Structures are given as structure tokens and as C-alpha cells.
Amino acid sequence: MTNPEDALDRLLRQGIKCLLTDKDVALLLGIKRSGMRQRRYKAPETLPPSFMVGKCHRYILEEVLAWIEAKKQGRSV
């Protein structure tokens, strides 16, 4: 069984743009996936911007990285 992180890294190395899932973003932020769900309803401003694809939230990698950088510099997005 392949590690999801490895699959994502492989796609990024090939230059393929892909949408991130809650699991991917939780990994980047160092929080649990269940924490993502809780934050979405209690404090959505503490998460990067997302959009819905069907019933699932999806994220654009560049937007997530820009959001993280802005948070590191103390700016709000």
C-alpha cells in the first residue's frame, strides 16, 4: 500500500496541479482531521480558504501555502 504523502509528492514533482483534501491540509498544518471539521464550524477563519466539490472541501496548494505564509508574518488573509 502506498503512502498518500508519497502519491501527492509524486504528482507535485511531475508538475501536476491537484486539489488537496482535508487530510492533506491537516497534515500540512499539523492538526488532526477531526480538528479541521471542528474548526470549520466553530472558527472557520483559522483554516485556509476552501471550496466545495460535491460534499467535500477542497484546497488549492498555492492558496494554502500563501495562507500559511501570511499567518507566519502575522497578517490576516
Protein backbone atom coordinates (compact mmCIF):
# COMPACT_ATOMS: atom_id res chain seq x y z
CA MET A 1 0.00 0.00 0.00
CA THR A 2 1.39 3.40 -0.93
CA ASN A 3 1.55 6.30 1.46
CA PRO A 4 -0.81 9.18 0.45
CA GLU A 5 2.02 11.64 1.11
CA ASP A 6 4.19 9.83 -1.43
CA ALA A 7 1.45 9.96 -4.07
CA LEU A 8 0.98 13.71 -3.51
CA ASP A 9 4.73 14.33 -3.68
CA ARG A 10 4.96 12.31 -6.91
CA LEU A 11 2.20 14.38 -8.56
CA LEU A 12 3.78 17.65 -7.45
CA ARG A 13 7.20 16.60 -8.77
CA GLN A 14 5.61 15.88 -12.13
CA GLY A 15 4.16 19.39 -12.17
CA ILE A 16 0.58 18.16 -11.95
CA LYS A 17 -1.68 20.56 -10.11
CA CYS A 18 -4.07 18.79 -7.80
CA LEU A 19 -6.60 19.73 -5.19
CA LEU A 20 -5.83 18.97 -1.57
CA THR A 21 -8.21 17.17 0.76
CA ASP A 22 -8.86 17.87 4.43
CA LYS A 23 -6.43 15.06 5.22
CA ASP A 24 -3.67 16.71 3.14
CA VAL A 25 -4.20 20.13 4.70
CA ALA A 26 -4.38 18.68 8.21
CA LEU A 27 -1.00 17.07 7.55
CA LEU A 28 0.46 20.40 6.38
CA LEU A 29 -0.95 22.24 9.42
CA GLY A 30 0.00 19.55 11.90
CA ILE A 31 -3.53 19.08 13.21
CA LYS A 32 -5.98 16.18 13.23
CA ARG A 33 -8.56 15.82 10.51
CA SER A 34 -11.29 15.88 13.14
CA GLY A 35 -9.85 19.21 14.29
CA MET A 36 -10.31 20.53 10.77
CA ARG A 37 -14.01 19.66 10.89
CA GLN A 38 -14.44 21.29 14.30
CA ARG A 39 -12.65 24.46 13.23
CA ARG A 40 -14.71 24.69 10.06
CA TYR A 41 -17.87 25.15 12.13
CA LYS A 42 -16.55 26.93 15.24
CA ALA A 43 -13.79 29.14 13.83
CA PRO A 44 -13.52 28.91 10.02
CA GLU A 45 -11.13 31.88 9.92
CA THR A 46 -8.48 29.57 11.43
CA LEU A 47 -8.39 27.49 8.24
CA PRO A 48 -7.11 28.23 4.73
CA PRO A 49 -9.70 29.07 2.05
CA SER A 50 -11.51 26.10 0.58
CA PHE A 51 -14.34 25.36 -1.80
CA MET A 52 -16.81 22.53 -2.13
CA VAL A 53 -16.59 19.75 -4.70
CA GLY A 54 -19.74 17.76 -4.13
CA LYS A 55 -19.89 17.26 -0.36
CA CYS A 56 -16.15 17.62 0.20
CA HIS A 57 -13.98 20.64 0.91
CA ARG A 58 -11.00 21.02 -1.41
CA TYR A 59 -8.00 23.32 -1.26
CA ILE A 60 -5.58 24.72 -3.82
CA LEU A 61 -2.00 24.09 -2.74
CA GLU A 62 -0.72 27.56 -3.66
CA GLU A 63 -3.54 29.23 -1.68
CA VAL A 64 -2.84 27.06 1.36
CA LEU A 65 0.88 27.87 1.24
CA ALA A 66 0.14 31.60 0.83
CA TRP A 67 -2.27 31.42 3.79
CA ILE A 68 0.39 29.72 5.94
CA GLU A 69 2.98 32.34 4.93
CA ALA A 70 0.57 35.17 5.77
CA LYS A 71 -0.09 33.63 9.18
CA LYS A 72 3.65 33.34 9.81
CA GLN A 73 4.04 37.05 9.05
CA GLY A 74 1.11 37.96 11.29
CA ARG A 75 -1.21 39.08 8.51
CA SER A 76 -4.80 38.03 8.12
CA VAL A 77 -5.99 36.68 4.79
